[in-house]
Structures are given as C-alpha cells and as structure tokens.
PDB file of N, CA and C in Angstrom:
ATOM      1  N   MET A   1     119.849  80.983 121.841  1.00  0.00           N
ATOM      2  CA  MET A   1     118.702  81.875 121.907  1.00  0.00           C
ATOM      3  C   MET A   1     118.813  82.991 120.847  1.00  0.00           C
ATOM      4  N   GLN A   2     120.015  83.573 120.735  1.00  0.00           N
ATOM      5  CA  GLN A   2     120.243  84.636 119.761  1.00  0.00           C
ATOM      6  C   GLN A   2     119.994  84.136 118.337  1.00  0.00           C
ATOM      7  N   ARG A   3     120.413  82.889 118.046  1.00  0.00           N
ATOM      8  CA  ARG A   3     120.185  82.306 116.728  1.00  0.00           C
ATOM      9  C   ARG A   3     118.702  82.212 116.416  1.00  0.00           C
ATOM     10  N   LEU A   4     117.927  81.795 117.418  1.00  0.00           N
ATOM     11  CA  LEU A   4     116.482  81.671 117.247  1.00  0.00           C
ATOM     12  C   LEU A   4     115.868  83.044 116.978  1.00  0.00           C
ATOM     13  N   LEU A   5     116.283  84.072 117.728  1.00  0.00           N
ATOM     14  CA  LEU A   5     115.760  85.424 117.520  1.00  0.00           C
ATOM     15  C   LEU A   5     116.122  85.940 116.125  1.00  0.00           C
ATOM     16  N   ASN A   6     117.350  85.684 115.669  1.00  0.00           N
ATOM     17  CA  ASN A   6     117.745  86.100 114.322  1.00  0.00           C
ATOM     18  C   ASN A   6     116.893  85.421 113.269  1.00  0.00           C
ATOM     19  N   LYS A   7     116.642  84.130 113.480  1.00  0.00           N
ATOM     20  CA  LYS A   7     115.831  83.373 112.517  1.00  0.00           C
ATOM     21  C   LYS A   7     114.401  83.894 112.488  1.00  0.00           C
ATOM     22  N   VAL A   8     113.812  84.121 113.667  1.00  0.00           N
ATOM     23  CA  VAL A   8     112.438  84.639 113.751  1.00  0.00           C
ATOM     24  C   VAL A   8     112.374  86.036 113.143  1.00  0.00           C
ATOM     25  N   GLY A   9     113.361  86.882 113.439  1.00  0.00           N
ATOM     26  CA  GLY A   9     113.398  88.234 112.871  1.00  0.00           C
ATOM     27  C   GLY A   9     113.462  88.197 111.358  1.00  0.00           C
ATOM     28  N   GLY A  10     114.249  87.279 110.820  1.00  0.00           N
ATOM     29  CA  GLY A  10     114.351  87.136 109.370  1.00  0.00           C
ATOM     30  C   GLY A  10     113.046  86.708 108.751  1.00  0.00           C
ATOM     31  N   ILE A  11     112.345  85.804 109.415  1.00  0.00           N
ATOM     32  CA  ILE A  11     111.045  85.335 108.911  1.00  0.00           C
ATOM     33  C   ILE A  11     110.042  86.474 108.932  1.00  0.00           C
ATOM     34  N   VAL A  12     110.019  87.242 110.013  1.00  0.00           N
ATOM     35  CA  VAL A  12     109.097  88.382 110.114  1.00  0.00           C
ATOM     36  C   VAL A  12     109.398  89.376 109.001  1.00  0.00           C
ATOM     37  N   LEU A  13     110.665  89.656 108.755  1.00  0.00           N
ATOM     38  CA  LEU A  13     111.041  90.583 107.700  1.00  0.00           C
ATOM     39  C   LEU A  13     110.562  90.086 106.335  1.00  0.00           C
ATOM     40  N   VAL A  14     110.744  88.811 106.063  1.00  0.00           N
ATOM     41  CA  VAL A  14     110.303  88.238 104.787  1.00  0.00           C
ATOM     42  C   VAL A  14     108.792  88.360 104.645  1.00  0.00           C
ATOM     43  N   VAL A  15     108.061  88.086 105.701  1.00  0.00           N
ATOM     44  CA  VAL A  15     106.596  88.179 105.666  1.00  0.00           C
ATOM     45  C   VAL A  15     106.168  89.620 105.427  1.00  0.00           C
ATOM     46  N   LEU A  16     106.811  90.560 106.113  1.00  0.00           N
ATOM     47  CA  LEU A  16     106.459  91.967 105.922  1.00  0.00           C
ATOM     48  C   LEU A  16     106.759  92.433 104.507  1.00  0.00           C
ATOM     49  N   LEU A  17     107.924  92.054 103.986  1.00  0.00           N
ATOM     50  CA  LEU A  17     108.277  92.458 102.630  1.00  0.00           C
ATOM     51  C   LEU A  17     107.379  91.822 101.586  1.00  0.00           C
ATOM     52  N   ALA A  18     106.913  90.627 101.845  1.00  0.00           N
ATOM     53  CA  ALA A  18     106.029  89.951 100.892  1.00  0.00           C
ATOM     54  C   ALA A  18     104.720  90.711 100.724  1.00  0.00           C
ATOM     55  N   GLY A  19     104.310  91.412 101.778  1.00  0.00           N
ATOM     56  CA  GLY A  19     103.065  92.177 101.715  1.00  0.00           C
ATOM     57  C   GLY A  19     103.211  93.499 101.003  1.00  0.00           C
ATOM     58  N   CYS A  20     104.447  93.931 100.754  1.00  0.00           N
ATOM     59  CA  CYS A  20     104.699  95.199 100.072  1.00  0.00           C
ATOM     60  C   CYS A  20     104.823  94.957  98.582  1.00  0.00           C
ATOM     61  N   ASP A  21     104.136  95.758  97.808  1.00  0.00           N
ATOM     62  CA  ASP A  21     104.260  95.586  96.359  1.00  0.00           C
ATOM     63  C   ASP A  21     105.187  96.627  95.751  1.00  0.00           C
ATOM     64  N   GLY A  22     105.792  97.445  96.608  1.00  0.00           N
ATOM     65  CA  GLY A  22     106.737  98.433  96.097  1.00  0.00           C
ATOM     66  C   GLY A  22     106.073  99.538  95.298  1.00  0.00           C
ATOM     67  N   GLY A  23     104.777  99.668  95.402  1.00  0.00           N
ATOM     68  CA  GLY A  23     104.083 100.716  94.684  1.00  0.00           C
ATOM     69  C   GLY A  23     103.950 100.450  93.204  1.00  0.00           C
ATOM     70  N   SER A  24     104.085  99.221  92.806  1.00  0.00           N
ATOM     71  CA  SER A  24     103.980  98.918  91.382  1.00  0.00           C
ATOM     72  C   SER A  24     102.555  99.162  90.915  1.00  0.00           C
ATOM     73  N   PRO A  25     102.404  99.597  89.669  1.00  0.00           N
ATOM     74  CA  PRO A  25     101.070  99.899  89.164  1.00  0.00           C
ATOM     75  C   PRO A  25     100.242  98.625  89.011  1.00  0.00           C
ATOM     76  N   PRO A  26      98.927  98.768  89.054  1.00  0.00           N
ATOM     77  CA  PRO A  26      98.071  97.604  88.862  1.00  0.00           C
ATOM     78  C   PRO A  26      98.286  97.002  87.480  1.00  0.00           C
ATOM     79  N   ALA A  27      97.925  95.764  87.342  1.00  0.00           N
ATOM     80  CA  ALA A  27      98.052  95.095  86.050  1.00  0.00           C
ATOM     81  C   ALA A  27      97.306  95.884  84.991  1.00  0.00           C
ATOM     82  N   GLU A  28      97.898  95.983  83.802  1.00  0.00           N
ATOM     83  CA  GLU A  28      97.292  96.762  82.723  1.00  0.00           C
ATOM     84  C   GLU A  28      95.847  96.360  82.447  1.00  0.00           C
ATOM     85  N   GLU A  29      95.553  95.046  82.579  1.00  0.00           N
ATOM     86  CA  GLU A  29      94.197  94.585  82.285  1.00  0.00           C
ATOM     87  C   GLU A  29      93.175  95.185  83.244  1.00  0.00           C
ATOM     88  N   ALA A  30      93.610  95.533  84.462  1.00  0.00           N
ATOM     89  CA  ALA A  30      92.688  96.034  85.471  1.00  0.00           C
ATOM     90  C   ALA A  30      92.425  97.530  85.317  1.00  0.00           C
ATOM     91  N   LEU A  31      93.161  98.203  84.458  1.00  0.00           N
ATOM     92  CA  LEU A  31      93.020  99.644  84.304  1.00  0.00           C
ATOM     93  C   LEU A  31      92.018  99.995  83.212  1.00  0.00           C
ATOM     94  N   SER A  32      91.288 101.075  83.440  1.00  0.00           N
ATOM     95  CA  SER A  32      90.447 101.602  82.371  1.00  0.00           C
ATOM     96  C   SER A  32      91.356 102.285  81.354  1.00  0.00           C
ATOM     97  N   GLU A  33      90.840 102.593  80.200  1.00  0.00           N
ATOM     98  CA  GLU A  33      91.618 103.279  79.162  1.00  0.00           C
ATOM     99  C   GLU A  33      92.110 104.629  79.691  1.00  0.00           C
ATOM    100  N   GLU A  34      91.263 105.343  80.394  1.00  0.00           N
ATOM    101  CA  GLU A  34      91.632 106.655  80.957  1.00  0.00           C
ATOM    102  C   GLU A  34      92.761 106.509  81.978  1.00  0.00           C
ATOM    103  N   GLU A  35      92.681 105.504  82.844  1.00  0.00           N
ATOM    104  CA  GLU A  35      93.733 105.268  83.841  1.00  0.00           C
ATOM    105  C   GLU A  35      95.049 104.888  83.169  1.00  0.00           C
ATOM    106  N   ARG A  36      94.969 104.064  82.137  1.00  0.00           N
ATOM    107  CA  ARG A  36      96.171 103.654  81.421  1.00  0.00           C
ATOM    108  C   ARG A  36      96.838 104.863  80.766  1.00  0.00           C
ATOM    109  N   LEU A  37      96.024 105.718  80.153  1.00  0.00           N
ATOM    110  CA  LEU A  37      96.571 106.912  79.523  1.00  0.00           C
ATOM    111  C   LEU A  37      97.119 107.888  80.558  1.00  0.00           C
ATOM    112  N   LEU A  38      96.478 107.977  81.711  1.00  0.00           N
ATOM    113  CA  LEU A  38      96.974 108.838  82.786  1.00  0.00           C
ATOM    114  C   LEU A  38      98.372 108.389  83.220  1.00  0.00           C
ATOM    115  N   GLN A  39      98.550 107.082  83.394  1.00  0.00           N
ATOM    116  CA  GLN A  39      99.866 106.554  83.773  1.00  0.00           C
ATOM    117  C   GLN A  39     100.897 106.790  82.667  1.00  0.00           C
ATOM    118  N   LEU A  40     100.495 106.569  81.439  1.00  0.00           N
ATOM    119  CA  LEU A  40     101.395 106.819  80.313  1.00  0.00           C
ATOM    120  C   LEU A  40     101.770 108.296  80.267  1.00  0.00           C
ATOM    121  N   GLY A  41     100.799 109.153  80.460  1.00  0.00           N
ATOM    122  CA  GLY A  41     101.061 110.594  80.464  1.00  0.00           C
ATOM    123  C   GLY A  41     102.024 111.002  81.569  1.00  0.00           C
ATOM    124  N   GLN A  42     101.863 110.389  82.725  1.00  0.00           N
ATOM    125  CA  GLN A  42     102.775 110.692  83.826  1.00  0.00           C
ATOM    126  C   GLN A  42     104.200 110.293  83.453  1.00  0.00           C
ATOM    127  N   ARG A  43     104.347 109.112  82.861  1.00  0.00           N
ATOM    128  CA  ARG A  43     105.691 108.674  82.445  1.00  0.00           C
ATOM    129  C   ARG A  43     106.258 109.592  81.361  1.00  0.00           C
ATOM    130  N   ARG A  44     105.436 109.931  80.374  1.00  0.00           N
ATOM    131  CA  ARG A  44     105.904 110.779  79.264  1.00  0.00           C
ATOM    132  C   ARG A  44     106.208 112.204  79.736  1.00  0.00           C
ATOM    133  N   SER A  45     105.557 112.650  80.800  1.00  0.00           N
ATOM    134  CA  SER A  45     105.739 114.027  81.273  1.00  0.00           C
ATOM    135  C   SER A  45     107.137 114.274  81.829  1.00  0.00           C
ATOM    136  N   ARG A  46     107.867 113.204  82.123  1.00  0.00           N
ATOM    137  CA  ARG A  46     109.228 113.384  82.651  1.00  0.00           C
ATOM    138  C   ARG A  46     110.097 114.191  81.698  1.00  0.00           C
ATOM    139  N   SER A  47     109.868 114.024  80.413  1.00  0.00           N
ATOM    140  CA  SER A  47     110.675 114.768  79.447  1.00  0.00           C
ATOM    141  C   SER A  47     110.233 116.236  79.329  1.00  0.00           C
ATOM    142  N   CYS A  48     109.114 116.576  79.930  1.00  0.00           N
ATOM    143  CA  CYS A  48     108.604 117.949  79.876  1.00  0.00           C
ATOM    144  C   CYS A  48     109.040 118.771  81.095  1.00  0.00           C
ATOM    145  N   MET A  49     109.490 118.071  82.141  1.00  0.00           N
ATOM    146  CA  MET A  49     109.791 118.734  83.413  1.00  0.00           C
ATOM    147  C   MET A  49     110.861 119.810  83.319  1.00  0.00           C
ATOM    148  N   GLY A  50     111.836 119.627  82.453  1.00  0.00           N
ATOM    149  CA  GLY A  50     112.920 120.597  82.362  1.00  0.00           C
ATOM    150  C   GLY A  50     112.423 122.013  82.109  1.00  0.00           C
ATOM    151  N   CYS A  51     111.414 122.156  81.304  1.00  0.00           N
ATOM    152  CA  CYS A  51     110.858 123.479  80.985  1.00  0.00           C
ATOM    153  C   CYS A  51     109.564 123.769  81.745  1.00  0.00           C
ATOM    154  N   HIS A  52     108.677 122.787  81.795  1.00  0.00           N
ATOM    155  CA  HIS A  52     107.337 123.028  82.342  1.00  0.00           C
ATOM    156  C   HIS A  52     107.193 122.649  83.806  1.00  0.00           C
ATOM    157  N   GLY A  53     108.270 122.152  84.418  1.00  0.00           N
ATOM    158  CA  GLY A  53     108.290 121.866  85.847  1.00  0.00           C
ATOM    159  C   GLY A  53     107.573 120.591  86.223  1.00  0.00           C
ATOM    160  N   PRO A  54     107.819 120.126  87.462  1.00  0.00           N
ATOM    161  CA  PRO A  54     107.142 118.922  87.965  1.00  0.00           C
ATOM    162  C   PRO A  54     105.634 119.131  88.011  1.00  0.00           C
ATOM    163  N   GLY A  55     104.905 118.161  87.501  1.00  0.00           N
ATOM    164  CA  GLY A  55     103.444 118.257  87.507  1.00  0.00           C
ATOM    165  C   GLY A  55     102.899 119.343  86.604  1.00  0.00           C
ATOM    166  N   GLY A  56     103.759 119.901  85.750  1.00  0.00           N
ATOM    167  CA  GLY A  56     103.301 120.929  84.820  1.00  0.00           C
ATOM    168  C   GLY A  56     103.256 122.325  85.403  1.00  0.00           C
ATOM    169  N   VAL A  57     103.913 122.542  86.544  1.00  0.00           N
ATOM    170  CA  VAL A  57     103.974 123.875  87.150  1.00  0.00           C
ATOM    171  C   VAL A  57     105.395 124.401  86.933  1.00  0.00           C
ATOM    172  N   SER A  58     105.510 125.336  86.009  1.00  0.00           N
ATOM    173  CA  SER A  58     106.810 125.852  85.603  1.00  0.00           C
ATOM    174  C   SER A  58     107.440 126.696  86.698  1.00  0.00           C
ATOM    175  N   ARG A  59     108.748 126.604  86.766  1.00  0.00           N
ATOM    176  CA  ARG A  59     109.503 127.445  87.702  1.00  0.00           C
ATOM    177  C   ARG A  59     110.094 128.648  86.979  1.00  0.00           C
ATOM    178  N   VAL A  60     109.886 128.704  85.676  1.00  0.00           N
ATOM    179  CA  VAL A  60     110.438 129.773  84.842  1.00  0.00           C
ATOM    180  C   VAL A  60     109.276 130.499  84.175  1.00  0.00           C
ATOM    181  N   ALA A  61     109.236 131.807  84.345  1.00  0.00           N
ATOM    182  CA  ALA A  61     108.098 132.594  83.844  1.00  0.00           C
ATOM    183  C   ALA A  61     107.910 132.487  82.334  1.00  0.00           C
ATOM    184  N   SER A  62     108.975 132.275  81.590  1.00  0.00           N
ATOM    185  CA  SER A  62     108.837 132.237  80.130  1.00  0.00           C
ATOM    186  C   SER A  62     108.274 130.911  79.612  1.00  0.00           C
ATOM    187  N   TYR A  63     108.186 129.881  80.471  1.00  0.00           N
ATOM    188  CA  TYR A  63     107.594 128.604  80.081  1.00  0.00           C
ATOM    189  C   TYR A  63     106.224 128.481  80.724  1.00  0.00           C
ATOM    190  N   PRO A  64     105.190 128.211  79.942  1.00  0.00           N
ATOM    191  CA  PRO A  64     103.831 128.176  80.517  1.00  0.00           C
ATOM    192  C   PRO A  64     103.596 126.967  81.418  1.00  0.00           C
ATOM    193  N   ASP A  65     102.722 127.183  82.395  1.00  0.00           N
ATOM    194  CA  ASP A  65     102.240 126.073  83.211  1.00  0.00           C
ATOM    195  C   ASP A  65     101.315 125.228  82.349  1.00  0.00           C
ATOM    196  N   LEU A  66     101.387 123.919  82.522  1.00  0.00           N
ATOM    197  CA  LEU A  66     100.492 123.006  81.810  1.00  0.00           C
ATOM    198  C   LEU A  66      99.427 122.436  82.745  1.00  0.00           C
ATOM    199  N   ALA A  67      99.718 122.407  84.030  1.00  0.00           N
ATOM    200  CA  ALA A  67      98.809 121.830  85.016  1.00  0.00           C
ATOM    201  C   ALA A  67      97.468 122.548  85.004  1.00  0.00           C
ATOM    202  N   GLY A  68      96.416 121.753  84.954  1.00  0.00           N
ATOM    203  CA  GLY A  68      95.066 122.289  85.037  1.00  0.00           C
ATOM    204  C   GLY A  68      94.486 122.801  83.731  1.00  0.00           C
ATOM    205  N   LEU A  69      95.269 122.807  82.657  1.00  0.00           N
ATOM    206  CA  LEU A  69      94.697 123.201  81.369  1.00  0.00           C
ATOM    207  C   LEU A  69      93.741 122.107  80.901  1.00  0.00           C
ATOM    208  N   SER A  70      92.814 122.450  80.044  1.00  0.00           N
ATOM    209  CA  SER A  70      91.860 121.448  79.568  1.00  0.00           C
ATOM    210  C   SER A  70      92.546 120.468  78.625  1.00  0.00           C
ATOM    211  N   LYS A  71      92.002 119.255  78.583  1.00  0.00           N
ATOM    212  CA  LYS A  71      92.526 118.239  77.661  1.00  0.00           C
ATOM    213  C   LYS A  71      92.474 118.748  76.232  1.00  0.00           C
ATOM    214  N   GLU A  72      91.373 119.393  75.884  1.00  0.00           N
ATOM    215  CA  GLU A  72      91.184 119.863  74.519  1.00  0.00           C
ATOM    216  C   GLU A  72      92.255 120.880  74.129  1.00  0.00           C
ATOM    217  N   THR A  73      92.542 121.808  75.030  1.00  0.00           N
ATOM    218  CA  THR A  73      93.564 122.821  74.761  1.00  0.00           C
ATOM    219  C   THR A  73      94.925 122.172  74.580  1.00  0.00           C
ATOM    220  N   LEU A  74      95.260 121.255  75.463  1.00  0.00           N
ATOM    221  CA  LEU A  74      96.560 120.588  75.393  1.00  0.00           C
ATOM    222  C   LEU A  74      96.710 119.782  74.102  1.00  0.00           C
ATOM    223  N   VAL A  75      95.681 119.039  73.740  1.00  0.00           N
ATOM    224  CA  VAL A  75      95.726 118.256  72.495  1.00  0.00           C
ATOM    225  C   VAL A  75      95.885 119.190  71.298  1.00  0.00           C
ATOM    226  N   THR A  76      95.094 120.246  71.246  1.00  0.00           N
ATOM    227  CA  THR A  76      95.149 121.194  70.130  1.00  0.00           C
ATOM    228  C   THR A  76      96.533 121.817  70.001  1.00  0.00           C
ATOM    229  N   GLU A  77      97.089 122.252  71.116  1.00  0.00           N
ATOM    230  CA  GLU A  77      98.399 122.911  71.076  1.00  0.00           C
ATOM    231  C   GLU A  77      99.518 121.940  70.692  1.00  0.00           C
ATOM    232  N   LEU A  78      99.510 120.740  71.272  1.00  0.00           N
ATOM    233  CA  LEU A  78     100.553 119.769  70.924  1.00  0.00           C
ATOM    234  C   LEU A  78     100.483 119.360  69.456  1.00  0.00           C
ATOM    235  N   LYS A  79      99.277 119.187  68.950  1.00  0.00           N
ATOM    236  CA  LYS A  79      99.138 118.842  67.530  1.00  0.00           C
ATOM    237  C   LYS A  79      99.576 120.001  66.636  1.00  0.00           C
ATOM    238  N   ALA A  80      99.324 121.235  67.074  1.00  0.00           N
ATOM    239  CA  ALA A  80      99.763 122.397  66.291  1.00  0.00           C
ATOM    240  C   ALA A  80     101.290 122.473  66.254  1.00  0.00           C
ATOM    241  N   PHE A  81     101.944 122.166  67.371  1.00  0.00           N
ATOM    242  CA  PHE A  81     103.413 122.125  67.370  1.00  0.00           C
ATOM    243  C   PHE A  81     103.914 120.982  66.487  1.00  0.00           C
ATOM    244  N   ARG A  82     103.254 119.838  66.590  1.00  0.00           N
ATOM    245  CA  ARG A  82     103.685 118.675  65.807  1.00  0.00           C
ATOM    246  C   ARG A  82     103.581 118.943  64.311  1.00  0.00           C
ATOM    247  N   SER A  83     102.512 119.600  63.888  1.00  0.00           N
ATOM    248  CA  SER A  83     102.316 119.863  62.460  1.00  0.00           C
ATOM    249  C   SER A  83     103.140 121.046  61.953  1.00  0.00           C
ATOM    250  N   GLY A  84     103.663 121.849  62.877  1.00  0.00           N
ATOM    251  CA  GLY A  84     104.396 123.044  62.477  1.00  0.00           C
ATOM    252  C   GLY A  84     103.512 124.268  62.386  1.00  0.00           C
ATOM    253  N   GLU A  85     102.208 124.107  62.627  1.00  0.00           N
ATOM    254  CA  GLU A  85     101.284 125.243  62.618  1.00  0.00           C
ATOM    255  C   GLU A  85     101.727 126.292  63.643  1.00  0.00           C
ATOM    256  N   ARG A  86     102.165 125.818  64.804  1.00  0.00           N
ATOM    257  CA  ARG A  86     102.792 126.693  65.813  1.00  0.00           C
ATOM    258  C   ARG A  86     104.278 126.449  65.717  1.00  0.00           C
ATOM    259  N   ASN A  87     105.045 127.532  65.789  1.00  0.00           N
ATOM    260  CA  ASN A  87     106.470 127.392  65.574  1.00  0.00           C
ATOM    261  C   ASN A  87     107.262 127.843  66.795  1.00  0.00           C
ATOM    262  N   ASP A  88     107.748 126.888  67.519  1.00  0.00           N
ATOM    263  CA  ASP A  88     108.714 127.099  68.592  1.00  0.00           C
ATOM    264  C   ASP A  88     109.717 125.964  68.421  1.00  0.00           C
ATOM    265  N   PRO A  89     110.978 126.285  68.179  1.00  0.00           N
ATOM    266  CA  PRO A  89     111.946 125.228  67.853  1.00  0.00           C
ATOM    267  C   PRO A  89     111.975 124.074  68.857  1.00  0.00           C
ATOM    268  N   MET A  90     111.938 124.375  70.139  1.00  0.00           N
ATOM    269  CA  MET A  90     111.999 123.315  71.152  1.00  0.00           C
ATOM    270  C   MET A  90     110.730 122.468  71.111  1.00  0.00           C
ATOM    271  N   MET A  91     109.570 123.110  71.108  1.00  0.00           N
ATOM    272  CA  MET A  91     108.311 122.368  71.143  1.00  0.00           C
ATOM    273  C   MET A  91     108.066 121.591  69.854  1.00  0.00           C
ATOM    274  N   VAL A  92     108.459 122.143  68.721  1.00  0.00           N
ATOM    275  CA  VAL A  92     108.297 121.424  67.459  1.00  0.00           C
ATOM    276  C   VAL A  92     109.141 120.154  67.484  1.00  0.00           C
ATOM    277  N   SER A  93     110.378 120.263  67.985  1.00  0.00           N
ATOM    278  CA  SER A  93     111.238 119.071  68.018  1.00  0.00           C
ATOM    279  C   SER A  93     110.710 118.020  68.997  1.00  0.00           C
ATOM    280  N   VAL A  94     110.085 118.446  70.081  1.00  0.00           N
ATOM    281  CA  VAL A  94     109.511 117.491  71.042  1.00  0.00           C
ATOM    282  C   VAL A  94     108.230 116.885  70.477  1.00  0.00           C
ATOM    283  N   ALA A  95     107.322 117.737  70.007  1.00  0.00           N
ATOM    284  CA  ALA A  95     106.008 117.273  69.547  1.00  0.00           C
ATOM    285  C   ALA A  95     106.108 116.413  68.297  1.00  0.00           C
ATOM    286  N   ARG A  96     107.110 116.624  67.497  1.00  0.00           N
ATOM    287  CA  ARG A  96     107.298 115.831  66.284  1.00  0.00           C
ATOM    288  C   ARG A  96     107.401 114.337  66.610  1.00  0.00           C
ATOM    289  N   ASN A  97     107.870 114.021  67.808  1.00  0.00           N
ATOM    290  CA  ASN A  97     108.066 112.629  68.220  1.00  0.00           C
ATOM    291  C   ASN A  97     106.887 112.051  68.996  1.00  0.00           C
ATOM    292  N   LEU A  98     105.784 112.772  69.087  1.00  0.00           N
ATOM    293  CA  LEU A  98     104.614 112.303  69.823  1.00  0.00           C
ATOM    294  C   LEU A  98     103.550 111.788  68.861  1.00  0.00           C
ATOM    295  N   ASP A  99     103.085 110.566  69.100  1.00  0.00           N
ATOM    296  CA  ASP A  99     101.953 110.077  68.316  1.00  0.00           C
ATOM    297  C   ASP A  99     100.660 110.532  69.003  1.00  0.00           C
ATOM    298  N   ASP A 100      99.523 110.244  68.383  1.00  0.00           N
ATOM    299  CA  ASP A 100      98.241 110.698  68.933  1.00  0.00           C
ATOM    300  C   ASP A 100      97.998 110.164  70.343  1.00  0.00           C
ATOM    301  N   GLU A 101      98.379 108.911  70.596  1.00  0.00           N
ATOM    302  CA  GLU A 101      98.167 108.346  71.931  1.00  0.00           C
ATOM    303  C   GLU A 101      99.006 109.080  72.978  1.00  0.00           C
ATOM    304  N   ALA A 102     100.245 109.381  72.669  1.00  0.00           N
ATOM    305  CA  ALA A 102     101.105 110.108  73.614  1.00  0.00           C
ATOM    306  C   ALA A 102     100.550 111.506  73.878  1.00  0.00           C
ATOM    307  N   ILE A 103     100.040 112.148  72.853  1.00  0.00           N
ATOM    308  CA  ILE A 103      99.448 113.479  73.026  1.00  0.00           C
ATOM    309  C   ILE A 103      98.218 113.387  73.925  1.00  0.00           C
ATOM    310  N   ARG A 104      97.358 112.417  73.674  1.00  0.00           N
ATOM    311  CA  ARG A 104      96.169 112.239  74.538  1.00  0.00           C
ATOM    312  C   ARG A 104      96.586 111.938  75.974  1.00  0.00           C
ATOM    313  N   ALA A 105      97.600 111.102  76.131  1.00  0.00           N
ATOM    314  CA  ALA A 105      98.065 110.727  77.471  1.00  0.00           C
ATOM    315  C   ALA A 105      98.608 111.943  78.215  1.00  0.00           C
ATOM    316  N   LEU A 106      99.409 112.744  77.556  1.00  0.00           N
ATOM    317  CA  LEU A 106      99.933 113.951  78.200  1.00  0.00           C
ATOM    318  C   LEU A 106      98.812 114.922  78.545  1.00  0.00           C
ATOM    319  N   ALA A 107      97.851 115.054  77.650  1.00  0.00           N
ATOM    320  CA  ALA A 107      96.720 115.956  77.903  1.00  0.00           C
ATOM    321  C   ALA A 107      95.908 115.492  79.111  1.00  0.00           C
ATOM    322  N   ILE A 108      95.658 114.204  79.207  1.00  0.00           N
ATOM    323  CA  ILE A 108      94.912 113.663  80.345  1.00  0.00           C
ATOM    324  C   ILE A 108      95.689 113.882  81.635  1.00  0.00           C
ATOM    325  N   TYR A 109      96.992 113.620  81.597  1.00  0.00           N
ATOM    326  CA  TYR A 109      97.820 113.787  82.798  1.00  0.00           C
ATOM    327  C   TYR A 109      97.828 115.243  83.264  1.00  0.00           C
ATOM    328  N   TYR A 110      98.164 116.167  82.366  1.00  0.00           N
ATOM    329  CA  TYR A 110      98.262 117.570  82.784  1.00  0.00           C
ATOM    330  C   TYR A 110      96.909 118.165  83.161  1.00  0.00           C
ATOM    331  N   ALA A 111      95.854 117.758  82.493  1.00  0.00           N
ATOM    332  CA  ALA A 111      94.520 118.254  82.854  1.00  0.00           C
ATOM    333  C   ALA A 111      94.110 117.788  84.254  1.00  0.00           C
ATOM    334  N   ALA A 112      94.630 116.647  84.677  1.00  0.00           N
ATOM    335  CA  ALA A 112      94.292 116.105  85.999  1.00  0.00           C
ATOM    336  C   ALA A 112      95.100 116.743  87.125  1.00  0.00           C
ATOM    337  N   GLN A 113      96.132 117.499  86.785  1.00  0.00           N
ATOM    338  CA  GLN A 113      96.962 118.123  87.815  1.00  0.00           C
ATOM    339  C   GLN A 113      96.297 119.420  88.288  1.00  0.00           C
ATOM    340  N   PRO A 114      96.457 119.736  89.573  1.00  0.00           N
ATOM    341  CA  PRO A 114      95.856 120.978  90.065  1.00  0.00           C
ATOM    342  C   PRO A 114      96.540 122.198  89.450  1.00  0.00           C
ATOM    343  N   ALA A 115      95.727 123.151  89.035  1.00  0.00           N
ATOM    344  CA  ALA A 115      96.274 124.386  88.477  1.00  0.00           C
ATOM    345  C   ALA A 115      97.061 125.124  89.556  1.00  0.00           C
ATOM    346  N   PRO A 116      98.147 125.757  89.179  1.00  0.00           N
ATOM    347  CA  PRO A 116      98.947 126.467  90.176  1.00  0.00           C
ATOM    348  C   PRO A 116      98.232 127.729  90.658  1.00  0.00           C
ATOM    349  N   GLU A 117      98.642 128.178  91.824  1.00  0.00           N
ATOM    350  CA  GLU A 117      98.137 129.440  92.349  1.00  0.00           C
ATOM    351  C   GLU A 117      98.625 130.571  91.448  1.00  0.00           C
ATOM    352  N   PRO A 118      97.800 131.593  91.264  1.00  0.00           N
ATOM    353  CA  PRO A 118      98.256 132.753  90.460  1.00  0.00           C
ATOM    354  C   PRO A 118      99.507 133.363  91.106  1.00  0.00           C
ATOM    355  N   ARG A 119     100.422 133.796  90.250  1.00  0.00           N
ATOM    356  CA  ARG A 119     101.681 134.393  90.768  1.00  0.00           C
ATOM    357  C   ARG A 119     101.668 135.885  90.645  1.00  0.00           C
TER     358      ARG A 119
END
C-alpha cells in the first residue's frame, strides 16, 4: 500500500511541476518591442543597483533616484554621459559601454518604475 501511495504521490508531483513554468518570460516572438525592451532594461538595471538602488530608488542621498523619470530625460542623460558631455567618472565608464538599444531599454524600465516618495 505504501509503495502505491509513493508512486501516486510522485505522479501528482510530476503533474504539478509540469504546470509550473518557473516564471520564465514569454517567448520573444510574443513580446511587443516595448515589452522586449522593458525586459532587457530590467536585466541591464542589475548593474545600476549598486548606486541607484533596486528599481532605481537610491538608498544613498548622493546618488539620484532613476525610478519614475521620463524616458526622454533618461535617454538624454545617458547619452550625455556616454559622449562625455556630462562628466562623472563612474557614469562615463558605465555609459561608454551602452549602445542605443541598451539606453532605450534602461530608460523604458526606469520610467515604468514608480517614483519614490519624497524624503
């Protein structure tokens, strides 16, 4: 009897796990360009967390919040750092490695995040 229960339990577990997709993102073909860039921006934002905090809400007063800023502002500022028009050693070194698509993706991601409460 115990063997039968173990076997049935194993089958139930397999069936339940088969229904879980582990939170994997939808197939790229099913995403709109905006959704694809949002996901890319979320992935790229991991390298920004050290200074600008999770979701673009900084925990350090000297680093600006990025969450809730407009896409246009974010694109303009990142391109200014990339070109050297704005000079901050850390941001210039980061932005230098961003192509236009990565900049757009980060701008879309941070613009979609809720702006933090005033401190």
